[in-house]
């Protein structure tokens, strides 16, 4: 293992040279907001600003670039429903070779269109990633195309490791780097680079969603363990298991692995957008979720959080933002039992308007069996200046004789 690790570490420097004119050297910036929330000095490594919207292009391009020319000319194939697909498609286009991406039939249309926009052929097959991967293996043999694995490959790992090299060069005071874990390619590359360059001084912390927590289980069992991932906002890291190579590197070079819940991921996405104007996908927000919810467990004062990608579904983002606004007390919902007579709703709206509440939606139900005859259930969704205004509104409504149900 030691010799293989040294070989991968040496590949990181080669990857850095190869990628220099191909990708963005993404910025690292200090976040005063997240520093104040966590009590640490927090830096953000912005791979959400990378080409294709995520770090995946680093490993994909380097892997394809290093293929022998006669092999490369036959094209490449990958199975993915997300960022790896775009990384491979983009890299193939830049290297002027054909590419085929096998995606599950359940892949969102916007992701399919994004892959096609880079000139790749797309085949929809199966209901889950594993179905697509099996099909990609078959087609790889049939067509003579090289299969590009998303994480369990030395060249992929080395490509992702260039992020660690950049962090080490750009933040010379860094104590800890916090990284999302999916299949393990990203954290393996970063951990190898960071640990080797710093002589082991800098700590590396991995984060994964609790609904797909295979890393801790794998480490406790001493081998890659398979889990059945549940749906998560961090869909970009939903793999059944680590690779054998990534497992060994994580075991030997990662100091700590933390799990976070879905609400914590949603809050991280919301705060990144609201306070730092950065759009992060669920997987990319994992380090911030860990810093906000489990920051006391993360060692060191100067911490770099790797925001690994920004390719998020806008409908999902809408739900997260609405939930975040409700959590922050900026959007409120009240349910009333109102007399079903003219003028009842007008009196309610007058009270809310005087308190500067902006109505977003009203639902009026006369036929709810839980409501007394002659009354209607009215649900009001509104923007409010503060949480205190909600309490004041409820008091005023009750003083008016209105029954507030929730």
Protein backbone atom coordinates (compact mmCIF):
# COMPACT_ATOMS: atom_id res chain seq x y z
CA UNK A 1 0.00 0.00 0.00
CA UNK A 2 2.82 2.42 0.90
CA UNK A 3 4.40 2.29 -2.56
CA UNK A 4 1.04 2.64 -4.28
CA UNK A 5 0.20 5.67 -2.12
CA UNK A 6 3.52 7.31 -2.96
CA UNK A 7 2.85 6.72 -6.66
CA UNK A 8 -0.56 8.42 -6.38
CA UNK A 9 0.95 11.32 -4.44
CA UNK A 10 3.53 11.84 -7.19
CA UNK A 11 0.72 11.76 -9.74
CA UNK A 12 -0.90 14.75 -7.98
CA UNK A 13 1.94 17.00 -9.18
CA UNK A 14 1.67 15.66 -12.72
CA UNK A 15 -2.10 16.22 -12.61
CA UNK A 16 -1.54 19.79 -11.44
CA UNK A 17 0.62 20.51 -14.49
CA UNK A 18 -1.82 18.83 -16.89
CA UNK A 19 -4.87 20.61 -15.46
CA UNK A 20 -3.27 24.04 -15.19
CA UNK A 21 -4.61 25.28 -18.53
CA UNK A 22 -7.80 23.20 -18.49
CA UNK A 23 -9.64 23.95 -15.25
CA UNK A 24 -10.12 26.87 -12.89
CA UNK A 25 -7.82 27.23 -9.93
CA UNK A 26 -10.79 27.87 -7.68
CA UNK A 27 -10.56 30.56 -5.00
CA UNK A 28 -10.32 30.06 -1.26
CA UNK A 29 -11.90 32.86 0.73
CA UNK A 30 -12.28 33.59 4.41
CA UNK A 31 -15.89 33.67 5.63
CA UNK A 32 -16.46 36.12 8.47
CA UNK A 33 -20.05 34.90 8.80
CA UNK A 34 -19.29 31.20 9.25
CA UNK A 35 -16.30 32.06 11.42
CA UNK A 36 -18.56 34.01 13.77
CA UNK A 37 -21.11 31.18 13.87
CA UNK A 38 -18.60 28.43 14.60
CA UNK A 39 -15.93 30.15 16.67
CA UNK A 40 -13.32 29.01 14.17
CA UNK A 41 -11.58 30.78 11.31
CA UNK A 42 -13.44 29.27 8.36
CA UNK A 43 -12.22 29.30 4.76
CA UNK A 44 -14.24 28.05 1.80
CA UNK A 45 -12.61 26.24 -1.14
CA UNK A 46 -15.05 26.97 -3.94
CA UNK A 47 -15.22 23.97 -6.26
CA UNK A 48 -18.83 24.96 -6.97
CA UNK A 49 -17.22 27.58 -9.23
CA UNK A 50 -15.27 24.90 -11.11
CA UNK A 51 -15.96 24.10 -14.78
CA UNK A 52 -19.02 21.81 -15.02
CA UNK A 53 -19.99 23.03 -11.53
CA UNK A 54 -18.01 20.54 -9.47
CA UNK A 55 -14.57 19.10 -8.68
CA UNK A 56 -15.23 15.98 -10.78
CA UNK A 57 -13.70 17.43 -13.94
CA UNK A 58 -10.24 17.37 -12.31
CA UNK A 59 -10.03 13.60 -11.96
CA UNK A 60 -11.98 12.84 -15.13
CA UNK A 61 -9.77 14.98 -17.37
CA UNK A 62 -6.51 13.72 -15.88
CA UNK A 63 -7.60 10.08 -16.19
CA UNK A 64 -8.65 10.45 -19.82
CA UNK A 65 -5.59 12.55 -20.71
CA UNK A 66 -3.23 9.83 -19.43
CA UNK A 67 -4.80 7.07 -21.53
CA UNK A 68 -2.62 5.89 -24.47
CA UNK A 69 -3.63 7.74 -27.63
CA UNK A 70 -4.87 4.63 -29.42
CA UNK A 71 -7.03 3.73 -26.39
CA UNK A 72 -8.28 7.26 -25.97
CA UNK A 73 -9.28 7.50 -29.63
CA UNK A 74 -11.85 4.71 -29.13
CA UNK A 75 -13.68 6.91 -26.67
CA UNK A 76 -14.69 6.73 -23.04
CA UNK A 77 -17.79 5.62 -21.19
CA UNK A 78 -19.10 6.34 -17.70
CA UNK A 79 -22.12 5.56 -15.56
CA UNK A 80 -23.41 8.51 -13.58
CA UNK A 81 -26.51 10.57 -12.94
CA UNK A 82 -24.65 13.67 -11.86
CA UNK A 83 -21.34 15.47 -11.64
CA UNK A 84 -19.09 12.63 -12.83
CA UNK A 85 -21.15 12.43 -16.02
CA UNK A 86 -20.58 16.11 -16.74
CA UNK A 87 -16.89 15.89 -15.87
CA UNK A 88 -16.32 13.00 -18.26
CA UNK A 89 -18.43 14.53 -21.04
CA UNK A 90 -16.64 17.89 -20.78
CA UNK A 91 -13.19 16.29 -20.67
CA UNK A 92 -13.94 14.09 -23.69
CA UNK A 93 -15.08 17.12 -25.65
CA UNK A 94 -11.93 19.06 -24.73
CA UNK A 95 -9.78 16.10 -25.83
CA UNK A 96 -11.83 15.65 -29.02
CA UNK A 97 -12.85 12.05 -28.38
CA UNK A 98 -16.28 10.38 -28.29
CA UNK A 99 -18.01 9.73 -24.98
CA UNK A 100 -21.05 7.78 -23.85
CA UNK A 101 -22.73 8.35 -20.50
CA UNK A 102 -25.15 5.76 -19.17
CA UNK A 103 -27.63 7.37 -16.79
CA UNK A 104 -30.54 5.85 -14.84
CA UNK A 105 -33.96 6.44 -16.36
CA UNK A 106 -34.79 8.32 -13.19
CA UNK A 107 -32.08 10.94 -13.80
CA UNK A 108 -33.54 14.49 -13.80
CA UNK A 109 -34.01 15.99 -17.25
CA UNK A 110 -31.80 18.98 -16.45
CA UNK A 111 -28.87 16.65 -15.70
CA UNK A 112 -29.41 14.70 -18.91
CA UNK A 113 -29.50 17.94 -20.90
CA UNK A 114 -26.35 19.21 -19.17
CA UNK A 115 -24.43 16.09 -20.23
CA UNK A 116 -25.73 16.32 -23.78
CA UNK A 117 -24.68 19.98 -23.94
CA UNK A 118 -21.05 18.85 -23.70
CA UNK A 119 -21.50 16.71 -26.81
CA UNK A 120 -21.79 13.32 -25.14
CA UNK A 121 -24.08 10.51 -26.21
CA UNK A 122 -26.51 9.66 -23.40
CA UNK A 123 -28.18 6.30 -22.82
CA UNK A 124 -30.89 6.01 -20.18
CA UNK A 125 -30.93 2.56 -18.60
CA UNK A 126 -32.30 1.06 -15.39
CA UNK A 127 -33.81 2.64 -12.32
CA UNK A 128 -30.71 3.12 -10.16
CA UNK A 129 -27.00 3.83 -10.60
CA UNK A 130 -26.04 0.15 -10.23
CA UNK A 131 -28.19 -0.76 -13.25
CA UNK A 132 -26.51 1.98 -15.28
CA UNK A 133 -23.04 0.86 -14.17
CA UNK A 134 -23.67 -2.75 -15.25
CA UNK A 135 -24.85 -1.53 -18.65
CA UNK A 136 -21.78 0.71 -18.97
CA UNK A 137 -19.55 -2.31 -18.31
CA UNK A 138 -21.29 -4.27 -21.07
CA UNK A 139 -21.05 -1.41 -23.56
CA UNK A 140 -17.42 -0.79 -22.66
CA UNK A 141 -16.55 -4.31 -23.82
CA UNK A 142 -18.84 -4.19 -26.87
CA UNK A 143 -17.57 -0.86 -28.18
CA UNK A 144 -13.99 -0.96 -26.92
CA UNK A 145 -14.51 2.24 -24.95
CA UNK A 146 -12.61 2.82 -21.70
CA UNK A 147 -14.75 2.89 -18.58
CA UNK A 148 -13.95 5.89 -16.37
CA UNK A 149 -14.67 4.97 -12.77
CA UNK A 150 -15.97 7.85 -10.63
CA UNK A 151 -13.65 7.34 -7.66
CA UNK A 152 -11.74 4.04 -7.29
CA UNK A 153 -8.87 4.85 -9.64
CA UNK A 154 -5.36 6.23 -8.91
CA UNK A 155 -5.58 8.85 -11.66
CA UNK A 156 -9.03 10.02 -10.57
CA UNK A 157 -7.78 10.29 -6.98
CA UNK A 158 -4.66 12.18 -8.08
CA UNK A 159 -6.75 14.63 -10.10
CA UNK A 160 -8.96 15.37 -7.10
CA UNK A 161 -5.80 15.64 -4.98
CA UNK A 162 -4.87 18.83 -6.80
CA UNK A 163 -7.46 20.54 -4.59
CA UNK A 164 -5.35 19.61 -1.55
CA UNK A 165 -2.25 20.99 -3.26
CA UNK A 166 -4.02 24.30 -3.93
CA UNK A 167 -5.32 24.54 -0.36
CA UNK A 168 -1.83 23.92 1.04
CA UNK A 169 -0.37 26.64 -1.19
CA UNK A 170 -3.15 29.19 -0.62
CA UNK A 171 -3.83 28.86 3.14
CA UNK A 172 -0.52 28.40 4.91
CA UNK A 173 -2.15 28.60 8.35
CA UNK A 174 -4.64 25.77 7.77
CA UNK A 175 -5.11 23.33 10.67
CA UNK A 176 -7.94 21.18 9.31
CA UNK A 177 -9.60 20.45 5.97
CA UNK A 178 -13.23 19.26 5.96
CA UNK A 179 -14.31 17.24 2.91
CA UNK A 180 -17.48 15.46 1.72
CA UNK A 181 -17.32 11.67 1.34
CA UNK A 182 -19.12 9.81 -1.44
CA UNK A 183 -17.16 6.99 -2.99
CA UNK A 184 -14.06 8.46 -1.42
CA UNK A 185 -12.12 9.74 -4.45
CA UNK A 186 -12.22 13.39 -3.39
CA UNK A 187 -11.23 12.94 0.24
CA UNK A 188 -8.59 10.32 -0.68
CA UNK A 189 -6.83 12.71 -3.05
CA UNK A 190 -7.06 15.69 -0.72
CA UNK A 191 -5.98 13.68 2.34
CA UNK A 192 -2.95 12.22 0.54
CA UNK A 193 -1.81 15.63 -0.69
CA UNK A 194 -2.46 17.46 2.58
CA UNK A 195 -0.91 14.83 4.84
CA UNK A 196 2.19 14.33 2.71
CA UNK A 197 2.78 18.05 2.15
CA UNK A 198 2.32 18.98 5.81
CA UNK A 199 4.15 16.01 7.28
CA UNK A 200 0.91 14.91 8.89
CA UNK A 201 0.37 18.21 10.74
CA UNK A 202 -2.90 19.15 9.03
CA UNK A 203 -5.98 17.18 10.02
CA UNK A 204 -8.52 15.85 7.49
CA UNK A 205 -12.16 15.38 8.46
CA UNK A 206 -14.71 13.60 6.26
CA UNK A 207 -18.47 14.24 6.26
CA UNK A 208 -21.30 12.10 4.94
CA UNK A 209 -25.10 12.12 5.34
CA UNK A 210 -26.42 9.84 8.08
CA UNK A 211 -28.75 8.15 5.55
CA UNK A 212 -25.73 6.80 3.65
CA UNK A 213 -23.15 6.37 6.40
CA UNK A 214 -20.95 3.63 4.98
CA UNK A 215 -17.56 5.06 5.97
CA UNK A 216 -17.75 4.63 9.74
CA UNK A 217 -19.22 1.17 9.25
CA UNK A 218 -16.44 0.27 6.83
CA UNK A 219 -13.75 1.50 9.21
CA UNK A 220 -15.24 -0.46 12.10
CA UNK A 221 -15.37 -3.63 9.98
CA UNK A 222 -11.91 -3.17 8.51
CA UNK A 223 -13.15 -3.40 4.92
CA UNK A 224 -15.50 -1.57 2.52
CA UNK A 225 -19.04 -2.24 3.77
CA UNK A 226 -22.15 -1.85 1.64
CA UNK A 227 -25.20 0.09 2.81
CA UNK A 228 -28.56 0.86 1.23
CA UNK A 229 -28.62 4.66 0.93
CA UNK A 230 -31.88 6.47 1.60
CA UNK A 231 -32.85 9.60 -0.36
CA UNK A 232 -30.81 12.65 0.65
CA UNK A 233 -30.32 16.29 -0.26
CA UNK A 234 -26.69 15.25 -0.70
CA UNK A 235 -27.49 12.97 -3.61
CA UNK A 236 -24.03 13.51 -5.08
CA UNK A 237 -22.46 11.32 -2.36
CA UNK A 238 -25.01 8.52 -2.31
CA UNK A 239 -22.91 5.44 -3.03
CA UNK A 240 -23.44 1.98 -1.59
CA UNK A 241 -19.80 1.58 -0.59
CA UNK A 242 -16.29 2.94 -0.79
CA UNK A 243 -13.82 1.50 -3.27
CA UNK A 244 -11.10 -0.82 -2.01
CA UNK A 245 -8.44 1.78 -2.84
CA UNK A 246 -10.32 4.75 -1.39
CA UNK A 247 -11.11 2.76 1.75
CA UNK A 248 -7.44 2.08 2.41
CA UNK A 249 -6.47 5.71 1.94
CA UNK A 250 -9.30 6.96 4.16
CA UNK A 251 -8.36 4.42 6.82
CA UNK A 252 -4.73 5.54 6.84
CA UNK A 253 -4.97 9.29 6.15
CA UNK A 254 -8.33 10.63 7.37
CA UNK A 255 -8.46 11.65 11.04
CA UNK A 256 -12.20 11.80 11.66
CA UNK A 257 -15.49 10.98 9.93
CA UNK A 258 -18.71 12.78 10.90
CA UNK A 259 -22.34 12.22 9.93
CA UNK A 260 -24.93 14.97 9.49
CA UNK A 261 -28.73 14.98 9.25
CA UNK A 262 -30.89 16.25 6.40
CA UNK A 263 -32.08 19.36 8.27
CA UNK A 264 -28.47 20.29 8.90
CA UNK A 265 -27.64 19.94 5.20
CA UNK A 266 -30.65 22.08 4.28
CA UNK A 267 -29.61 24.79 6.74
CA UNK A 268 -26.07 24.81 5.33
CA UNK A 269 -27.35 25.24 1.75
CA UNK A 270 -29.65 28.03 2.87
CA UNK A 271 -26.99 29.93 4.82
CA UNK A 272 -24.39 29.58 2.07
CA UNK A 273 -26.81 31.18 -0.38
CA UNK A 274 -28.30 33.74 1.99
CA UNK A 275 -25.14 34.97 3.69
CA UNK A 276 -22.27 34.25 1.29
CA UNK A 277 -24.20 34.33 -2.02
CA UNK A 278 -22.86 30.89 -2.94
CA UNK A 279 -24.99 28.16 -4.47
CA UNK A 280 -23.92 24.75 -3.15
CA UNK A 281 -25.53 21.41 -3.85
CA UNK A 282 -26.30 19.14 -0.91
CA UNK A 283 -23.03 17.23 -1.18
CA UNK A 284 -21.09 20.48 -1.43
CA UNK A 285 -22.72 21.83 1.73
CA UNK A 286 -21.76 18.82 3.90
CA UNK A 287 -18.63 20.44 5.41
CA UNK A 288 -20.61 23.52 6.46
CA UNK A 289 -23.36 21.31 7.89
CA UNK A 290 -20.72 19.55 10.00
CA UNK A 291 -19.11 22.80 11.15
CA UNK A 292 -22.48 24.23 12.22
CA UNK A 293 -23.81 21.12 13.95
CA UNK A 294 -20.69 19.33 15.16
CA UNK A 295 -18.05 22.03 15.09
CA UNK A 296 -16.81 21.27 18.60
CA UNK A 297 -15.65 17.86 17.34
CA UNK A 298 -13.61 19.32 14.49
CA UNK A 299 -10.03 19.99 15.60
CA UNK A 300 -8.04 23.13 14.89
CA UNK A 301 -8.74 26.84 14.63
CA UNK A 302 -8.15 27.51 10.93
CA UNK A 303 -10.49 25.27 8.95
CA UNK A 304 -10.97 24.93 5.18
CA UNK A 305 -14.38 23.61 4.09
CA UNK A 306 -14.36 22.13 0.58
CA UNK A 307 -17.56 23.24 -1.19
CA UNK A 308 -17.35 20.44 -3.72
CA UNK A 309 -20.11 21.39 -6.16
CA UNK A 310 -23.03 23.65 -7.01
CA UNK A 311 -25.19 21.59 -9.36
CA UNK A 312 -28.51 21.62 -7.55
CA UNK A 313 -32.06 21.09 -8.76
CA UNK A 314 -33.95 24.39 -8.67
CA UNK A 315 -37.18 22.81 -7.40
CA UNK A 316 -35.25 21.24 -4.52
CA UNK A 317 -33.56 24.58 -3.89
CA UNK A 318 -36.95 26.31 -3.72
CA UNK A 319 -38.15 23.91 -1.02
CA UNK A 320 -34.92 24.36 0.94
CA UNK A 321 -35.16 28.14 0.77
CA UNK A 322 -38.78 28.16 1.89
CA UNK A 323 -37.94 25.85 4.78
CA UNK A 324 -34.97 28.02 5.70
CA UNK A 325 -37.06 31.19 5.65
CA UNK A 326 -39.63 29.55 7.92
CA UNK A 327 -36.90 28.36 10.29
CA UNK A 328 -35.48 31.90 10.41
CA UNK A 329 -38.93 33.31 11.20
CA UNK A 330 -39.14 35.30 7.97
CA UNK A 331 -41.99 33.29 6.53
CA UNK A 332 -44.88 32.12 8.72
CA UNK A 333 -47.99 30.04 8.26
CA UNK A 334 -51.08 30.34 10.46
CA UNK A 335 -54.30 28.35 10.35
CA UNK A 336 -57.54 29.95 11.50
CA UNK A 337 -61.16 28.93 12.06
CA UNK A 338 -63.17 31.85 10.67
CA UNK A 339 -66.90 32.53 10.62
CA UNK A 340 -68.01 31.94 7.03
CA UNK A 341 -69.57 35.37 6.60
CA UNK A 342 -68.60 38.41 4.51
CA UNK A 343 -65.91 40.57 6.12
CA UNK A 344 -64.32 37.92 8.39
CA UNK A 345 -61.21 37.50 6.26
CA UNK A 346 -60.96 41.24 5.62
CA UNK A 347 -60.61 41.92 9.38
CA UNK A 348 -57.85 39.35 9.64
CA UNK A 349 -55.97 40.77 6.67
CA UNK A 350 -56.25 44.29 8.09
CA UNK A 351 -54.48 43.19 11.28
CA UNK A 352 -51.75 41.43 9.28
CA UNK A 353 -51.30 44.42 6.94
CA UNK A 354 -50.93 46.81 9.90
CA UNK A 355 -48.10 44.56 11.16
CA UNK A 356 -46.41 44.73 7.70
CA UNK A 357 -47.04 41.06 6.89
CA UNK A 358 -47.00 40.29 3.16
CA UNK A 359 -49.49 37.60 2.11
CA UNK A 360 -48.03 34.91 -0.16
CA UNK A 361 -50.91 32.42 -0.27
CA UNK A 362 -54.37 31.86 1.21
CA UNK A 363 -56.25 28.55 1.28
CA UNK A 364 -59.95 28.60 2.20
CA UNK A 365 -61.75 25.32 3.06
CA UNK A 366 -65.45 25.28 4.00
CA UNK A 367 -65.75 21.50 3.98
CA UNK A 368 -63.18 20.37 6.53
CA UNK A 369 -65.08 18.03 8.89
CA UNK A 370 -62.97 19.18 11.86
CA UNK A 371 -64.40 22.70 11.52
CA UNK A 372 -67.74 23.67 13.08
CA UNK A 373 -70.68 24.26 10.73
CA UNK A 374 -70.80 27.88 9.60
CA UNK A 375 -67.03 28.23 9.84
CA UNK A 376 -64.16 27.80 7.35
CA UNK A 377 -60.58 26.71 7.80
CA UNK A 378 -58.25 29.38 6.44
CA UNK A 379 -54.49 28.84 6.00
CA UNK A 380 -52.37 31.95 5.42
CA UNK A 381 -48.74 31.89 4.27
CA UNK A 382 -46.97 35.22 4.69
CA UNK A 383 -43.68 37.06 4.86
CA UNK A 384 -43.15 38.65 8.27
CA UNK A 385 -40.64 41.25 9.53
CA UNK A 386 -39.68 39.09 12.55
CA UNK A 387 -40.74 36.17 14.71
CA UNK A 388 -42.10 38.60 17.31
CA UNK A 389 -44.55 39.91 14.73
CA UNK A 390 -46.06 36.41 14.41
CA UNK A 391 -46.69 36.29 18.16
CA UNK A 392 -48.19 39.80 18.11
CA UNK A 393 -50.46 38.87 15.19
CA UNK A 394 -51.75 35.76 16.95
CA UNK A 395 -52.49 37.79 20.10
CA UNK A 396 -54.39 40.45 18.13
CA UNK A 397 -56.37 37.82 16.21
CA UNK A 398 -57.42 36.08 19.41
CA UNK A 399 -58.41 39.45 20.92
CA UNK A 400 -60.65 39.83 17.86
CA UNK A 401 -62.30 36.51 18.72
CA UNK A 402 -60.62 34.51 15.94
CA UNK A 403 -59.69 30.90 16.77
CA UNK A 404 -56.05 30.27 15.84
CA UNK A 405 -55.61 26.54 15.20
CA UNK A 406 -51.84 26.50 14.55
